């Protein structure tokens, strides 16, 4: 026989896990210090400048 499952509790548990995964993703995206953000922006600008320097003119 199958186990009896309380659907209300199952929905709440699923909502909790979804909320936890969303929170983890947000911590990864937005949980950086200002110095880390500035460093990444500088690295991105340097990489863009490098790529732009190698483009051909039409």
PDB file of N, CA and C in Angstrom:
ATOM      1  N   UNK A   1       0.825  -1.179   0.000  1.00  0.00           N
ATOM      2  CA  UNK A   1       0.000   0.000   0.000  1.00  0.00           C
ATOM      3  C   UNK A   1       0.873   1.247   0.000  1.00  0.00           C
ATOM      4  N   UNK A   2       0.296   2.312  -0.512  1.00  0.00           N
ATOM      5  CA  UNK A   2       1.001   3.586  -0.561  1.00  0.00           C
ATOM      6  C   UNK A   2       0.840   4.324   0.762  1.00  0.00           C
ATOM      7  N   UNK A   3       1.802   5.174   1.041  1.00  0.00           N
ATOM      8  CA  UNK A   3       1.725   5.986   2.256  1.00  0.00           C
ATOM      9  C   UNK A   3       0.698   7.097   2.056  1.00  0.00           C
ATOM     10  N   UNK A   4       0.024   7.453   3.108  1.00  0.00           N
ATOM     11  CA  UNK A   4      -0.940   8.540   3.064  1.00  0.00           C
ATOM     12  C   UNK A   4      -0.168   9.851   3.176  1.00  0.00           C
ATOM     13  N   UNK A   5      -0.468  10.773   2.264  1.00  0.00           N
ATOM     14  CA  UNK A   5       0.241  12.044   2.218  1.00  0.00           C
ATOM     15  C   UNK A   5      -0.748  13.176   2.450  1.00  0.00           C
ATOM     16  N   UNK A   6      -0.428  14.035   3.381  1.00  0.00           N
ATOM     17  CA  UNK A   6      -1.244  15.221   3.627  1.00  0.00           C
ATOM     18  C   UNK A   6      -0.836  16.269   2.590  1.00  0.00           C
ATOM     19  N   UNK A   7      -1.740  16.597   1.671  1.00  0.00           N
ATOM     20  CA  UNK A   7      -1.401  17.490   0.569  1.00  0.00           C
ATOM     21  C   UNK A   7      -1.078  18.900   1.050  1.00  0.00           C
ATOM     22  N   UNK A   8      -1.735  19.355   2.095  1.00  0.00           N
ATOM     23  CA  UNK A   8      -1.455  20.687   2.625  1.00  0.00           C
ATOM     24  C   UNK A   8      -0.014  20.759   3.113  1.00  0.00           C
ATOM     25  N   UNK A   9       0.404  19.746   3.845  1.00  0.00           N
ATOM     26  CA  UNK A   9       1.780  19.726   4.342  1.00  0.00           C
ATOM     27  C   UNK A   9       2.774  19.573   3.191  1.00  0.00           C
ATOM     28  N   UNK A  10       2.425  18.785   2.198  1.00  0.00           N
ATOM     29  CA  UNK A  10       3.317  18.593   1.057  1.00  0.00           C
ATOM     30  C   UNK A  10       3.495  19.906   0.293  1.00  0.00           C
ATOM     31  N   UNK A  11       2.406  20.655   0.097  1.00  0.00           N
ATOM     32  CA  UNK A  11       2.493  21.947  -0.591  1.00  0.00           C
ATOM     33  C   UNK A  11       3.344  22.932   0.203  1.00  0.00           C
ATOM     34  N   UNK A  12       3.159  22.953   1.521  1.00  0.00           N
ATOM     35  CA  UNK A  12       3.945  23.861   2.347  1.00  0.00           C
ATOM     36  C   UNK A  12       5.427  23.496   2.310  1.00  0.00           C
ATOM     37  N   UNK A  13       5.735  22.209   2.334  1.00  0.00           N
ATOM     38  CA  UNK A  13       7.136  21.768   2.287  1.00  0.00           C
ATOM     39  C   UNK A  13       7.761  22.143   0.950  1.00  0.00           C
ATOM     40  N   UNK A  14       7.012  21.971  -0.140  1.00  0.00           N
ATOM     41  CA  UNK A  14       7.518  22.338  -1.464  1.00  0.00           C
ATOM     42  C   UNK A  14       7.759  23.844  -1.533  1.00  0.00           C
ATOM     43  N   UNK A  15       6.846  24.624  -0.986  1.00  0.00           N
ATOM     44  CA  UNK A  15       7.011  26.079  -0.972  1.00  0.00           C
ATOM     45  C   UNK A  15       8.250  26.471  -0.174  1.00  0.00           C
ATOM     46  N   UNK A  16       8.491  25.799   0.948  1.00  0.00           N
ATOM     47  CA  UNK A  16       9.674  26.098   1.758  1.00  0.00           C
ATOM     48  C   UNK A  16      10.957  25.805   0.989  1.00  0.00           C
ATOM     49  N   UNK A  17      11.011  24.667   0.313  1.00  0.00           N
ATOM     50  CA  UNK A  17      12.229  24.322  -0.427  1.00  0.00           C
ATOM     51  C   UNK A  17      12.434  25.263  -1.612  1.00  0.00           C
ATOM     52  N   UNK A  18      11.340  25.645  -2.288  1.00  0.00           N
ATOM     53  CA  UNK A  18      11.462  26.598  -3.389  1.00  0.00           C
ATOM     54  C   UNK A  18      11.977  27.942  -2.891  1.00  0.00           C
ATOM     55  N   UNK A  19      11.462  28.379  -1.764  1.00  0.00           N
ATOM     56  CA  UNK A  19      11.889  29.647  -1.189  1.00  0.00           C
ATOM     57  C   UNK A  19      13.362  29.587  -0.789  1.00  0.00           C
ATOM     58  N   UNK A  20      13.780  28.461  -0.254  1.00  0.00           N
ATOM     59  CA  UNK A  20      15.183  28.311   0.160  1.00  0.00           C
ATOM     60  C   UNK A  20      16.115  28.328  -1.049  1.00  0.00           C
ATOM     61  N   UNK A  21      15.744  27.664  -2.128  1.00  0.00           N
ATOM     62  CA  UNK A  21      16.601  27.666  -3.320  1.00  0.00           C
ATOM     63  C   UNK A  21      16.655  29.055  -3.944  1.00  0.00           C
ATOM     64  N   UNK A  22      15.518  29.768  -3.964  1.00  0.00           N
ATOM     65  CA  UNK A  22      15.492  31.127  -4.496  1.00  0.00           C
ATOM     66  C   UNK A  22      16.365  32.043  -3.644  1.00  0.00           C
ATOM     67  N   UNK A  23      16.327  31.870  -2.333  1.00  0.00           N
ATOM     68  CA  UNK A  23      17.153  32.676  -1.430  1.00  0.00           C
ATOM     69  C   UNK A  23      18.636  32.400  -1.674  1.00  0.00           C
ATOM     70  N   UNK A  24      18.978  31.148  -1.897  1.00  0.00           N
ATOM     71  CA  UNK A  24      20.376  30.789  -2.174  1.00  0.00           C
ATOM     72  C   UNK A  24      20.856  31.445  -3.467  1.00  0.00           C
ATOM     73  N   UNK A  25      20.017  31.428  -4.489  1.00  0.00           N
ATOM     74  CA  UNK A  25      20.383  32.064  -5.751  1.00  0.00           C
ATOM     75  C   UNK A  25      20.559  33.567  -5.578  1.00  0.00           C
ATOM     76  N   UNK A  26      19.680  34.192  -4.810  1.00  0.00           N
ATOM     77  CA  UNK A  26      19.792  35.625  -4.573  1.00  0.00           C
ATOM     78  C   UNK A  26      21.036  35.966  -3.768  1.00  0.00           C
ATOM     79  N   UNK A  27      21.413  35.108  -2.845  1.00  0.00           N
ATOM     80  CA  UNK A  27      22.647  35.346  -2.092  1.00  0.00           C
ATOM     81  C   UNK A  27      23.848  35.298  -3.019  1.00  0.00           C
ATOM     82  N   UNK A  28      23.801  34.408  -3.989  1.00  0.00           N
ATOM     83  CA  UNK A  28      24.911  34.322  -4.939  1.00  0.00           C
ATOM     84  C   UNK A  28      24.950  35.558  -5.840  1.00  0.00           C
ATOM     85  N   UNK A  29      23.787  36.031  -6.270  1.00  0.00           N
ATOM     86  CA  UNK A  29      23.744  37.157  -7.197  1.00  0.00           C
ATOM     87  C   UNK A  29      23.977  38.498  -6.512  1.00  0.00           C
ATOM     88  N   UNK A  30      23.321  38.724  -5.391  1.00  0.00           N
ATOM     89  CA  UNK A  30      23.303  40.044  -4.799  1.00  0.00           C
ATOM     90  C   UNK A  30      24.104  40.151  -3.515  1.00  0.00           C
ATOM     91  N   UNK A  31      24.648  39.084  -3.031  1.00  0.00           N
ATOM     92  CA  UNK A  31      25.341  39.103  -1.752  1.00  0.00           C
ATOM     93  C   UNK A  31      26.823  39.382  -1.876  1.00  0.00           C
ATOM     94  N   UNK A  32      27.185  40.354  -2.707  1.00  0.00           N
ATOM     95  CA  UNK A  32      28.600  40.680  -2.876  1.00  0.00           C
ATOM     96  C   UNK A  32      28.894  42.052  -2.275  1.00  0.00           C
ATOM     97  N   UNK A  33      30.124  42.246  -1.868  1.00  0.00           N
ATOM     98  CA  UNK A  33      30.513  43.541  -1.329  1.00  0.00           C
ATOM     99  C   UNK A  33      30.725  44.528  -2.471  1.00  0.00           C
ATOM    100  N   UNK A  34      30.801  45.788  -2.117  1.00  0.00           N
ATOM    101  CA  UNK A  34      30.995  46.819  -3.124  1.00  0.00           C
ATOM    102  C   UNK A  34      32.343  46.636  -3.827  1.00  0.00           C
ATOM    103  N   UNK A  35      33.349  46.243  -3.078  1.00  0.00           N
ATOM    104  CA  UNK A  35      34.673  46.024  -3.663  1.00  0.00           C
ATOM    105  C   UNK A  35      34.641  44.882  -4.681  1.00  0.00           C
ATOM    106  N   UNK A  36      33.912  43.828  -4.356  1.00  0.00           N
ATOM    107  CA  UNK A  36      33.804  42.711  -5.297  1.00  0.00           C
ATOM    108  C   UNK A  36      33.081  43.142  -6.564  1.00  0.00           C
ATOM    109  N   UNK A  37      32.022  43.948  -6.410  1.00  0.00           N
ATOM    110  CA  UNK A  37      31.287  44.435  -7.580  1.00  0.00           C
ATOM    111  C   UNK A  37      32.172  45.317  -8.453  1.00  0.00           C
ATOM    112  N   UNK A  38      32.943  46.209  -7.824  1.00  0.00           N
ATOM    113  CA  UNK A  38      33.831  47.090  -8.576  1.00  0.00           C
ATOM    114  C   UNK A  38      34.930  46.310  -9.279  1.00  0.00           C
ATOM    115  N   UNK A  39      35.452  45.302  -8.604  1.00  0.00           N
ATOM    116  CA  UNK A  39      36.504  44.474  -9.202  1.00  0.00           C
ATOM    117  C   UNK A  39      35.966  43.737 -10.424  1.00  0.00           C
ATOM    118  N   UNK A  40      34.765  43.167 -10.305  1.00  0.00           N
ATOM    119  CA  UNK A  40      34.184  42.450 -11.431  1.00  0.00           C
ATOM    120  C   UNK A  40      33.885  43.405 -12.589  1.00  0.00           C
ATOM    121  N   UNK A  41      33.412  44.606 -12.283  1.00  0.00           N
ATOM    122  CA  UNK A  41      33.137  45.587 -13.332  1.00  0.00           C
ATOM    123  C   UNK A  41      34.419  45.989 -14.049  1.00  0.00           C
ATOM    124  N   UNK A  42      35.497  46.160 -13.302  1.00  0.00           N
ATOM    125  CA  UNK A  42      36.780  46.516 -13.905  1.00  0.00           C
ATOM    126  C   UNK A  42      37.297  45.383 -14.785  1.00  0.00           C
ATOM    127  N   UNK A  43      37.181  44.149 -14.311  1.00  0.00           N
ATOM    128  CA  UNK A  43      37.621  43.002 -15.111  1.00  0.00           C
ATOM    129  C   UNK A  43      36.792  42.889 -16.386  1.00  0.00           C
ATOM    130  N   UNK A  44      35.470  43.118 -16.271  1.00  0.00           N
ATOM    131  CA  UNK A  44      34.603  43.052 -17.439  1.00  0.00           C
ATOM    132  C   UNK A  44      34.952  44.150 -18.443  1.00  0.00           C
ATOM    133  N   UNK A  45      35.240  45.359 -17.954  1.00  0.00           N
ATOM    134  CA  UNK A  45      35.613  46.466 -18.827  1.00  0.00           C
ATOM    135  C   UNK A  45      36.929  46.169 -19.540  1.00  0.00           C
ATOM    136  N   UNK A  46      37.875  45.593 -18.823  1.00  0.00           N
ATOM    137  CA  UNK A  46      39.164  45.247 -19.422  1.00  0.00           C
ATOM    138  C   UNK A  46      38.988  44.180 -20.506  1.00  0.00           C
ATOM    139  N   UNK A  47      38.150  43.187 -20.227  1.00  0.00           N
ATOM    140  CA  UNK A  47      37.904  42.136 -21.216  1.00  0.00           C
ATOM    141  C   UNK A  47      37.198  42.693 -22.445  1.00  0.00           C
ATOM    142  N   UNK A  48      36.228  43.582 -22.237  1.00  0.00           N
ATOM    143  CA  UNK A  48      35.533  44.201 -23.370  1.00  0.00           C
ATOM    144  C   UNK A  48      36.494  45.038 -24.208  1.00  0.00           C
ATOM    145  N   UNK A  49      37.372  45.774 -23.543  1.00  0.00           N
ATOM    146  CA  UNK A  49      38.356  46.589 -24.251  1.00  0.00           C
ATOM    147  C   UNK A  49      39.286  45.702 -25.070  1.00  0.00           C
ATOM    148  N   UNK A  50      39.667  44.568 -24.509  1.00  0.00           N
ATOM    149  CA  UNK A  50      40.544  43.628 -25.212  1.00  0.00           C
ATOM    150  C   UNK A  50      39.859  43.084 -26.464  1.00  0.00           C
ATOM    151  N   UNK A  51      38.590  42.714 -26.326  1.00  0.00           N
ATOM    152  CA  UNK A  51      37.849  42.176 -27.470  1.00  0.00           C
ATOM    153  C   UNK A  51      37.651  43.257 -28.527  1.00  0.00           C
ATOM    154  N   UNK A  52      37.288  44.457 -28.108  1.00  0.00           N
ATOM    155  CA  UNK A  52      37.074  45.553 -29.051  1.00  0.00           C
ATOM    156  C   UNK A  52      38.357  45.876 -29.816  1.00  0.00           C
ATOM    157  N   UNK A  53      39.490  45.745 -29.176  1.00  0.00           N
ATOM    158  CA  UNK A  53      40.757  46.024 -29.828  1.00  0.00           C
ATOM    159  C   UNK A  53      41.104  45.026 -30.915  1.00  0.00           C
ATOM    160  N   UNK A  54      40.504  43.854 -30.881  1.00  0.00           N
ATOM    161  CA  UNK A  54      40.804  42.837 -31.874  1.00  0.00           C
ATOM    162  C   UNK A  54      39.758  42.755 -32.983  1.00  0.00           C
ATOM    163  N   UNK A  55      38.771  43.606 -32.948  1.00  0.00           N
ATOM    164  CA  UNK A  55      37.750  43.576 -33.995  1.00  0.00           C
ATOM    165  C   UNK A  55      38.274  44.218 -35.259  1.00  0.00           C
ATOM    166  N   UNK A  56      37.803  43.725 -36.391  1.00  0.00           N
ATOM    167  CA  UNK A  56      38.176  44.302 -37.677  1.00  0.00           C
ATOM    168  C   UNK A  56      37.195  45.398 -38.047  1.00  0.00           C
ATOM    169  N   UNK A  57      37.687  46.364 -38.759  1.00  0.00           N
ATOM    170  CA  UNK A  57      36.839  47.442 -39.254  1.00  0.00           C
ATOM    171  C   UNK A  57      36.346  47.038 -40.640  1.00  0.00           C
ATOM    172  N   UNK A  58      35.054  47.264 -40.893  1.00  0.00           N
ATOM    173  CA  UNK A  58      34.511  46.909 -42.213  1.00  0.00           C
ATOM    174  C   UNK A  58      34.565  48.068 -43.162  1.00  0.00           C
TER     175      UNK A  58
END
